[in-house]
Amino acid sequence: MLAGDALVAEAFRLSLDAGVEVARELVDATLAMIGGQQRDLEGGHDLAELHRLKTGALFTASVMCGVWAPGSRSTAIRPGARSRASSACLFQVVDDILDGDGYVVTVGEAGARTLATRRADRAAERLDALDADTSVLSEIVAGLAARTA
């Protein structure tokens, strides 16, 4: 627990060195993830909303911190980046397939695989729409989608 606390504090320290926008992304993502985890523990919440809060916030922040970082050449993509950044929903559906819970319980394994395919396609389309080199992110999306097999 202490190591985790130290890593979070170090992430905040480093993000402040990178600039207030980067720090704000990290703070917002951390708070959303904590809120999503609390809702998950309470039970009875919409899976898509939980995924958006828990993993989605962190995936989005990982892209947006790079967009906001000093010296970033990604300034042209800032206006649309947030809405296009997250492939967390894909990650969560794949995780549910591998663990046999979440969406597998609510829509069945075949339904969850269909959902994963749709989300992979949507994530790829969003990345293609960005005016930036998204090759690494595209590889991540492809790798996530391949994990469903």
Protein backbone atom coordinates (compact mmCIF):
# COMPACT_ATOMS: atom_id res chain seq x y z
CA MET A 1 0.00 0.00 0.00
CA LEU A 2 2.78 2.40 0.87
CA ALA A 3 4.59 1.70 -2.39
CA GLY A 4 1.41 2.51 -4.30
CA ASP A 5 0.97 5.73 -2.34
CA ALA A 6 4.57 6.68 -3.07
CA LEU A 7 4.15 5.99 -6.79
CA VAL A 8 1.05 8.19 -6.94
CA ALA A 9 2.85 11.01 -5.13
CA GLU A 10 5.80 10.68 -7.49
CA ALA A 11 3.49 10.78 -10.50
CA PHE A 12 1.98 14.01 -9.23
CA ARG A 13 5.42 15.49 -8.58
CA LEU A 14 6.61 14.62 -12.08
CA SER A 15 3.41 15.90 -13.66
CA LEU A 16 3.81 19.26 -11.91
CA ASP A 17 7.31 19.52 -13.39
CA ALA A 18 5.72 18.95 -16.82
CA GLY A 19 3.14 21.71 -16.38
CA VAL A 20 -0.20 22.47 -14.83
CA GLU A 21 -2.19 20.96 -17.75
CA VAL A 22 -0.40 17.61 -17.36
CA ALA A 23 -0.89 17.68 -13.57
CA ARG A 24 -4.59 18.52 -14.00
CA GLU A 25 -5.05 15.54 -16.36
CA LEU A 26 -3.45 13.21 -13.84
CA VAL A 27 -5.46 14.56 -10.89
CA ASP A 28 -8.76 14.39 -12.79
CA ALA A 29 -8.04 10.84 -13.96
CA THR A 30 -7.04 9.67 -10.50
CA LEU A 31 -10.19 11.10 -8.91
CA ALA A 32 -12.39 9.56 -11.61
CA MET A 33 -10.72 6.17 -11.17
CA ILE A 34 -11.21 6.28 -7.40
CA GLY A 35 -14.87 7.28 -7.81
CA GLY A 36 -15.42 4.50 -10.33
CA GLN A 37 -13.82 1.93 -8.05
CA GLN A 38 -16.07 3.05 -5.18
CA ARG A 39 -19.15 2.68 -7.38
CA ASP A 40 -17.94 -0.76 -8.47
CA LEU A 41 -17.62 -1.84 -4.84
CA GLU A 42 -21.16 -0.60 -4.15
CA GLY A 43 -22.50 -2.67 -7.06
CA GLY A 44 -25.52 -2.16 -9.26
CA HIS A 45 -24.02 0.47 -11.57
CA ASP A 46 -23.91 0.62 -15.35
CA LEU A 47 -20.82 -1.22 -16.64
CA ALA A 48 -20.10 1.34 -19.35
CA GLU A 49 -20.10 4.14 -16.78
CA LEU A 50 -17.82 2.18 -14.45
CA HIS A 51 -15.41 1.47 -17.30
CA ARG A 52 -15.44 5.12 -18.36
CA LEU A 53 -14.59 6.20 -14.83
CA LYS A 54 -12.13 3.52 -13.81
CA THR A 55 -10.00 2.58 -16.77
CA GLY A 56 -11.27 5.15 -19.26
CA ALA A 57 -10.05 8.11 -17.25
CA LEU A 58 -6.57 6.62 -16.96
CA PHE A 59 -6.32 5.68 -20.65
CA THR A 60 -7.47 9.14 -21.67
CA ALA A 61 -5.02 10.80 -19.29
CA SER A 62 -2.16 8.74 -20.67
CA VAL A 63 -2.81 10.21 -24.11
CA MET A 64 -3.68 13.70 -22.94
CA CYS A 65 -0.60 14.04 -20.73
CA GLY A 66 1.46 13.49 -23.87
CA VAL A 67 -0.64 16.02 -25.76
CA TRP A 68 -0.15 18.65 -23.04
CA ALA A 69 3.51 17.90 -22.32
CA PRO A 70 5.98 20.73 -22.92
CA GLY A 71 7.50 20.52 -26.36
CA SER A 72 4.73 18.31 -27.64
CA ARG A 73 4.17 18.58 -31.36
CA SER A 74 0.58 17.43 -30.79
CA THR A 75 -0.95 20.89 -30.37
CA ALA A 76 -2.97 20.43 -33.56
CA ILE A 77 -4.86 17.49 -32.08
CA ARG A 78 -5.69 19.04 -28.69
CA PRO A 79 -9.26 20.12 -29.50
CA GLY A 80 -10.44 16.64 -30.49
CA ALA A 81 -7.98 14.45 -28.64
CA ARG A 82 -9.96 13.88 -25.47
CA SER A 83 -12.98 12.46 -27.26
CA ARG A 84 -10.78 10.24 -29.41
CA ALA A 85 -8.13 9.19 -26.93
CA SER A 86 -9.66 6.39 -24.94
CA SER A 87 -9.60 2.75 -25.86
CA ALA A 88 -10.37 1.83 -22.27
CA CYS A 89 -13.80 0.48 -23.10
CA LEU A 90 -12.13 -2.02 -25.41
CA PHE A 91 -9.65 -2.91 -22.68
CA GLN A 92 -12.45 -3.50 -20.17
CA VAL A 93 -14.57 -5.64 -22.49
CA VAL A 94 -11.52 -7.79 -23.30
CA ASP A 95 -10.73 -8.03 -19.59
CA ASP A 96 -14.30 -9.17 -18.95
CA ILE A 97 -13.99 -11.82 -21.68
CA LEU A 98 -10.74 -13.13 -20.22
CA ASP A 99 -12.12 -13.12 -16.66
CA GLY A 100 -15.62 -14.35 -17.54
CA ASP A 101 -17.34 -11.49 -15.70
CA GLY A 102 -18.82 -8.06 -16.40
CA TYR A 103 -20.12 -7.95 -19.95
CA VAL A 104 -19.82 -11.73 -20.32
CA VAL A 105 -22.34 -12.08 -17.50
CA THR A 106 -24.72 -9.46 -18.93
CA VAL A 107 -24.56 -10.16 -22.70
CA GLY A 108 -22.83 -13.55 -22.95
CA GLU A 109 -19.42 -14.35 -24.35
CA ALA A 110 -20.46 -13.98 -27.99
CA GLY A 111 -22.10 -10.62 -27.26
CA ALA A 112 -19.00 -9.44 -25.41
CA ARG A 113 -16.77 -10.49 -28.34
CA THR A 114 -19.03 -8.57 -30.74
CA LEU A 115 -18.85 -5.55 -28.47
CA ALA A 116 -15.04 -5.82 -28.32
CA THR A 117 -14.84 -5.95 -32.12
CA ARG A 118 -17.05 -2.87 -32.45
CA ARG A 119 -15.02 -0.97 -29.87
CA ALA A 120 -11.74 -1.95 -31.54
CA ASP A 121 -13.05 -0.70 -34.87
CA ARG A 122 -14.26 2.55 -33.28
CA ALA A 123 -10.94 3.11 -31.49
CA ALA A 124 -9.04 2.52 -34.74
CA GLU A 125 -11.29 4.99 -36.59
CA ARG A 126 -10.79 7.63 -33.90
CA LEU A 127 -7.02 7.21 -33.99
CA ASP A 128 -6.99 7.41 -37.78
CA ALA A 129 -8.87 10.71 -37.56
CA LEU A 130 -6.12 12.35 -35.49
CA ASP A 131 -3.58 14.50 -37.26
CA ALA A 132 -0.67 12.83 -35.48
CA ASP A 133 1.46 9.70 -35.47
CA THR A 134 -0.78 7.24 -33.67
CA SER A 135 1.04 4.09 -34.75
CA VAL A 136 1.94 3.04 -31.20
CA LEU A 137 -1.63 3.55 -29.98
CA SER A 138 -2.94 1.69 -33.02
CA GLU A 139 -0.69 -1.25 -32.17
CA ILE A 140 -2.07 -1.23 -28.62
CA VAL A 141 -5.65 -1.27 -29.92
CA ALA A 142 -4.85 -4.13 -32.31
CA GLY A 143 -3.16 -6.05 -29.51
CA LEU A 144 -6.13 -5.58 -27.20
CA ALA A 145 -8.53 -6.76 -29.88
CA ALA A 146 -6.39 -9.83 -30.56
CA ARG A 147 -6.56 -10.83 -26.89
CA THR A 148 -10.25 -11.72 -27.25
CA ALA A 149 -9.46 -14.84 -29.30
